[in-house]
Amino acid sequence: MNAALPEVARRYLEEQLTLKGYEYQSDFARKYFDDGKAEGKAEGKAEGRSEAAARMILAVLRGRGLCVPDEVRERIVGCADFEQLMVWHERSLSVASAKELFD
């Protein structure tokens, strides 16, 4: 339905329908809203840690003068497992080539 509206009208409707500062009245609604908010915050933190770890690995490899092929870069950046990224970081300090991270 919104796709049929002009962009200006769509933005206006979205602004009008957004609940700004609304506080849920029931304990039930507050609990599930707060749970969802906390879960989203935790997921965001975990994602941020993984992204930072991937950047750190790439920086170490570049700093050591190693060539980082696209497939290696994509695998590192695409990894969301923080523990795996920490293993690769340890390896990045001593490998002879970027591809050796995965051996």
N, C-alpha and C. Protein backbone atom coordinates (compact mmCIF):
# COMPACT_ATOMS: atom_id res chain seq x y z
N MET A 1 0.83 -1.19 0.00
CA MET A 1 0.00 0.00 0.00
C MET A 1 0.87 1.25 0.00
N ASN A 2 1.89 1.30 0.86
CA ASN A 2 2.75 2.48 0.92
C ASN A 2 3.50 2.71 -0.38
N ALA A 3 3.77 1.65 -1.13
CA ALA A 3 4.53 1.78 -2.37
C ALA A 3 3.79 2.64 -3.39
N ALA A 4 2.49 2.71 -3.30
CA ALA A 4 1.71 3.50 -4.25
C ALA A 4 1.73 4.98 -3.92
N LEU A 5 2.18 5.35 -2.74
CA LEU A 5 2.20 6.75 -2.33
C LEU A 5 3.45 7.45 -2.81
N PRO A 6 3.34 8.75 -3.06
CA PRO A 6 4.55 9.52 -3.36
C PRO A 6 5.47 9.52 -2.14
N GLU A 7 6.76 9.71 -2.38
CA GLU A 7 7.75 9.67 -1.30
C GLU A 7 7.42 10.62 -0.16
N VAL A 8 7.00 11.84 -0.46
CA VAL A 8 6.69 12.83 0.59
C VAL A 8 5.53 12.34 1.45
N ALA A 9 4.50 11.80 0.83
CA ALA A 9 3.35 11.30 1.59
C ALA A 9 3.74 10.09 2.43
N ARG A 10 4.57 9.22 1.89
CA ARG A 10 5.01 8.03 2.62
C ARG A 10 5.80 8.44 3.87
N ARG A 11 6.72 9.40 3.71
CA ARG A 11 7.50 9.85 4.87
C ARG A 11 6.61 10.50 5.92
N TYR A 12 5.63 11.30 5.48
CA TYR A 12 4.72 11.95 6.41
C TYR A 12 3.94 10.91 7.21
N LEU A 13 3.41 9.91 6.54
CA LEU A 13 2.66 8.86 7.24
C LEU A 13 3.54 8.10 8.23
N GLU A 14 4.76 7.79 7.83
CA GLU A 14 5.67 7.08 8.73
C GLU A 14 5.95 7.91 9.97
N GLU A 15 6.15 9.22 9.81
CA GLU A 15 6.39 10.09 10.95
C GLU A 15 5.18 10.15 11.87
N GLN A 16 3.99 10.19 11.29
CA GLN A 16 2.77 10.27 12.09
C GLN A 16 2.48 8.98 12.84
N LEU A 17 2.86 7.84 12.26
CA LEU A 17 2.55 6.55 12.86
C LEU A 17 3.62 6.04 13.82
N THR A 18 4.74 6.74 13.89
CA THR A 18 5.81 6.34 14.79
C THR A 18 5.45 6.75 16.21
N LEU A 19 5.57 5.79 17.14
CA LEU A 19 5.26 6.07 18.54
C LEU A 19 6.49 6.64 19.22
N LYS A 20 6.51 7.95 19.37
CA LYS A 20 7.66 8.60 19.99
C LYS A 20 7.41 8.78 21.48
N GLY A 21 8.29 8.21 22.28
CA GLY A 21 8.18 8.38 23.71
C GLY A 21 7.03 7.63 24.36
N TYR A 22 6.39 6.76 23.61
CA TYR A 22 5.27 6.01 24.18
C TYR A 22 5.78 5.00 25.20
N GLU A 23 5.12 4.95 26.34
CA GLU A 23 5.46 3.96 27.35
C GLU A 23 4.30 2.99 27.48
N TYR A 24 4.61 1.72 27.37
CA TYR A 24 3.59 0.69 27.49
C TYR A 24 3.01 0.72 28.90
N GLN A 25 1.70 0.51 28.99
CA GLN A 25 1.00 0.62 30.26
C GLN A 25 0.97 -0.69 31.04
N SER A 26 0.89 -1.81 30.36
CA SER A 26 0.78 -3.08 31.08
C SER A 26 2.15 -3.65 31.39
N ASP A 27 2.24 -4.37 32.50
CA ASP A 27 3.49 -5.04 32.87
C ASP A 27 3.89 -6.04 31.80
N PHE A 28 2.90 -6.72 31.24
CA PHE A 28 3.15 -7.70 30.18
C PHE A 28 3.86 -7.05 28.99
N ALA A 29 3.32 -5.96 28.49
CA ALA A 29 3.90 -5.29 27.33
C ALA A 29 5.27 -4.71 27.65
N ARG A 30 5.41 -4.10 28.82
CA ARG A 30 6.70 -3.53 29.21
C ARG A 30 7.78 -4.60 29.28
N LYS A 31 7.43 -5.76 29.85
CA LYS A 31 8.40 -6.84 29.98
C LYS A 31 8.90 -7.28 28.61
N TYR A 32 7.98 -7.53 27.67
CA TYR A 32 8.41 -8.01 26.36
C TYR A 32 9.10 -6.92 25.54
N PHE A 33 8.72 -5.69 25.71
CA PHE A 33 9.40 -4.58 25.05
C PHE A 33 10.82 -4.46 25.58
N ASP A 34 10.96 -4.49 26.90
CA ASP A 34 12.30 -4.38 27.51
C ASP A 34 13.17 -5.58 27.17
N ASP A 35 12.59 -6.79 27.15
CA ASP A 35 13.34 -7.98 26.77
C ASP A 35 13.86 -7.86 25.33
N GLY A 36 13.00 -7.40 24.44
CA GLY A 36 13.40 -7.24 23.04
C GLY A 36 14.47 -6.18 22.88
N LYS A 37 14.35 -5.12 23.64
CA LYS A 37 15.34 -4.04 23.60
C LYS A 37 16.70 -4.55 24.09
N ALA A 38 16.70 -5.30 25.19
CA ALA A 38 17.95 -5.84 25.74
C ALA A 38 18.57 -6.86 24.77
N GLU A 39 17.73 -7.68 24.17
CA GLU A 39 18.23 -8.67 23.21
C GLU A 39 18.86 -7.98 22.00
N GLY A 40 18.21 -6.96 21.50
CA GLY A 40 18.75 -6.21 20.36
C GLY A 40 20.06 -5.52 20.70
N LYS A 41 20.15 -5.00 21.90
CA LYS A 41 21.38 -4.34 22.34
C LYS A 41 22.53 -5.35 22.43
N ALA A 42 22.24 -6.53 22.97
CA ALA A 42 23.27 -7.58 23.09
C ALA A 42 23.73 -8.05 21.71
N GLU A 43 22.78 -8.21 20.80
CA GLU A 43 23.14 -8.62 19.44
C GLU A 43 24.00 -7.56 18.77
N GLY A 44 23.67 -6.30 18.98
CA GLY A 44 24.45 -5.21 18.40
C GLY A 44 25.87 -5.17 18.94
N LYS A 45 26.01 -5.41 20.23
CA LYS A 45 27.35 -5.44 20.84
C LYS A 45 28.17 -6.58 20.27
N ALA A 46 27.56 -7.76 20.16
CA ALA A 46 28.27 -8.93 19.63
C ALA A 46 28.70 -8.69 18.18
N GLU A 47 27.81 -8.10 17.42
CA GLU A 47 28.14 -7.79 16.02
C GLU A 47 29.28 -6.79 15.94
N GLY A 48 29.25 -5.79 16.79
CA GLY A 48 30.31 -4.78 16.81
C GLY A 48 31.65 -5.37 17.20
N ARG A 49 31.64 -6.29 18.17
CA ARG A 49 32.89 -6.94 18.58
C ARG A 49 33.47 -7.75 17.43
N SER A 50 32.61 -8.48 16.72
CA SER A 50 33.08 -9.29 15.60
C SER A 50 33.63 -8.42 14.48
N GLU A 51 32.95 -7.33 14.18
CA GLU A 51 33.43 -6.42 13.14
C GLU A 51 34.78 -5.83 13.52
N ALA A 52 34.94 -5.44 14.78
CA ALA A 52 36.21 -4.87 15.24
C ALA A 52 37.33 -5.92 15.17
N ALA A 53 37.02 -7.15 15.55
CA ALA A 53 38.02 -8.22 15.50
C ALA A 53 38.45 -8.48 14.06
N ALA A 54 37.51 -8.48 13.13
CA ALA A 54 37.85 -8.69 11.72
C ALA A 54 38.75 -7.58 11.21
N ARG A 55 38.44 -6.33 11.56
CA ARG A 55 39.29 -5.21 11.16
C ARG A 55 40.69 -5.34 11.75
N MET A 56 40.76 -5.81 13.00
CA MET A 56 42.05 -5.98 13.66
C MET A 56 42.89 -7.03 12.93
N ILE A 57 42.30 -8.14 12.56
CA ILE A 57 43.02 -9.20 11.84
C ILE A 57 43.56 -8.66 10.53
N LEU A 58 42.71 -7.97 9.78
CA LEU A 58 43.15 -7.41 8.50
C LEU A 58 44.26 -6.39 8.69
N ALA A 59 44.18 -5.60 9.73
CA ALA A 59 45.22 -4.60 10.01
C ALA A 59 46.55 -5.28 10.33
N VAL A 60 46.50 -6.36 11.10
CA VAL A 60 47.74 -7.09 11.44
C VAL A 60 48.36 -7.66 10.17
N LEU A 61 47.55 -8.29 9.34
CA LEU A 61 48.07 -8.87 8.10
C LEU A 61 48.69 -7.80 7.21
N ARG A 62 47.98 -6.68 7.04
CA ARG A 62 48.52 -5.59 6.23
C ARG A 62 49.79 -5.02 6.85
N GLY A 63 49.77 -4.86 8.17
CA GLY A 63 50.93 -4.33 8.88
C GLY A 63 52.16 -5.21 8.75
N ARG A 64 51.92 -6.49 8.58
CA ARG A 64 53.03 -7.42 8.39
C ARG A 64 53.43 -7.53 6.92
N GLY A 65 52.76 -6.76 6.07
CA GLY A 65 53.10 -6.74 4.65
C GLY A 65 52.59 -7.93 3.86
N LEU A 66 51.59 -8.63 4.40
CA LEU A 66 51.05 -9.79 3.71
C LEU A 66 49.92 -9.39 2.77
N CYS A 67 49.88 -10.02 1.63
CA CYS A 67 48.80 -9.82 0.67
C CYS A 67 47.55 -10.52 1.20
N VAL A 68 46.42 -9.83 1.16
CA VAL A 68 45.16 -10.42 1.62
C VAL A 68 44.23 -10.55 0.42
N PRO A 69 44.13 -11.77 -0.15
CA PRO A 69 43.23 -11.98 -1.30
C PRO A 69 41.78 -11.70 -0.91
N ASP A 70 40.98 -11.37 -1.92
CA ASP A 70 39.57 -11.03 -1.67
C ASP A 70 38.82 -12.15 -0.94
N GLU A 71 39.08 -13.42 -1.32
CA GLU A 71 38.34 -14.51 -0.68
C GLU A 71 38.70 -14.64 0.81
N VAL A 72 39.94 -14.31 1.17
CA VAL A 72 40.34 -14.34 2.58
C VAL A 72 39.67 -13.18 3.32
N ARG A 73 39.71 -12.00 2.72
CA ARG A 73 39.09 -10.81 3.33
C ARG A 73 37.59 -11.07 3.55
N GLU A 74 36.92 -11.62 2.55
CA GLU A 74 35.48 -11.88 2.65
C GLU A 74 35.17 -12.88 3.75
N ARG A 75 36.00 -13.91 3.88
CA ARG A 75 35.78 -14.91 4.92
C ARG A 75 35.97 -14.31 6.31
N ILE A 76 36.97 -13.47 6.46
CA ILE A 76 37.22 -12.83 7.76
C ILE A 76 36.08 -11.87 8.10
N VAL A 77 35.75 -10.99 7.17
CA VAL A 77 34.71 -9.99 7.42
C VAL A 77 33.33 -10.64 7.59
N GLY A 78 33.10 -11.75 6.92
CA GLY A 78 31.81 -12.43 7.00
C GLY A 78 31.63 -13.31 8.23
N CYS A 79 32.67 -13.47 9.02
CA CYS A 79 32.60 -14.34 10.20
C CYS A 79 31.98 -13.59 11.37
N ALA A 80 30.96 -14.17 11.98
CA ALA A 80 30.30 -13.57 13.14
C ALA A 80 30.69 -14.28 14.44
N ASP A 81 31.52 -15.30 14.35
CA ASP A 81 31.94 -16.09 15.52
C ASP A 81 33.17 -15.43 16.15
N PHE A 82 32.97 -14.74 17.24
CA PHE A 82 34.04 -13.98 17.88
C PHE A 82 35.20 -14.88 18.30
N GLU A 83 34.89 -16.05 18.82
CA GLU A 83 35.96 -16.97 19.26
C GLU A 83 36.82 -17.41 18.07
N GLN A 84 36.18 -17.68 16.94
CA GLN A 84 36.94 -18.05 15.74
C GLN A 84 37.82 -16.89 15.28
N LEU A 85 37.28 -15.70 15.34
CA LEU A 85 38.05 -14.52 14.96
C LEU A 85 39.28 -14.34 15.87
N MET A 86 39.13 -14.67 17.14
CA MET A 86 40.27 -14.56 18.05
C MET A 86 41.34 -15.60 17.72
N VAL A 87 40.93 -16.79 17.29
CA VAL A 87 41.89 -17.81 16.84
C VAL A 87 42.64 -17.29 15.63
N TRP A 88 41.90 -16.72 14.67
CA TRP A 88 42.55 -16.19 13.47
C TRP A 88 43.46 -15.03 13.82
N HIS A 89 43.07 -14.21 14.80
CA HIS A 89 43.93 -13.10 15.20
C HIS A 89 45.26 -13.63 15.72
N GLU A 90 45.22 -14.62 16.58
CA GLU A 90 46.46 -15.22 17.10
C GLU A 90 47.33 -15.71 15.95
N ARG A 91 46.70 -16.38 15.00
CA ARG A 91 47.45 -16.90 13.85
C ARG A 91 47.99 -15.79 12.97
N SER A 92 47.26 -14.67 12.90
CA SER A 92 47.68 -13.57 12.01
C SER A 92 49.04 -13.00 12.42
N LEU A 93 49.42 -13.22 13.66
CA LEU A 93 50.68 -12.71 14.16
C LEU A 93 51.90 -13.47 13.64
N SER A 94 51.67 -14.71 13.14
CA SER A 94 52.82 -15.52 12.77
C SER A 94 52.72 -16.24 11.42
N VAL A 95 51.58 -16.21 10.74
CA VAL A 95 51.45 -16.93 9.48
C VAL A 95 52.33 -16.32 8.40
N ALA A 96 52.72 -17.15 7.44
CA ALA A 96 53.54 -16.68 6.32
C ALA A 96 52.69 -16.11 5.19
N SER A 97 51.41 -16.52 5.15
CA SER A 97 50.48 -15.97 4.15
C SER A 97 49.09 -15.88 4.78
N ALA A 98 48.27 -14.99 4.25
CA ALA A 98 46.92 -14.78 4.81
C ALA A 98 46.09 -16.06 4.73
N LYS A 99 46.29 -16.86 3.69
CA LYS A 99 45.51 -18.09 3.54
C LYS A 99 45.81 -19.11 4.64
N GLU A 100 46.97 -19.01 5.27
CA GLU A 100 47.33 -19.93 6.34
C GLU A 100 46.50 -19.73 7.61
N LEU A 101 45.76 -18.63 7.70
CA LEU A 101 44.89 -18.41 8.85
C LEU A 101 43.92 -19.57 9.03
N PHE A 102 43.49 -20.15 7.92
CA PHE A 102 42.42 -21.14 7.94
C PHE A 102 42.92 -22.57 8.02
N ASP A 103 44.23 -22.78 8.11
CA ASP A 103 44.78 -24.14 8.18
C ASP A 103 44.62 -24.72 9.57
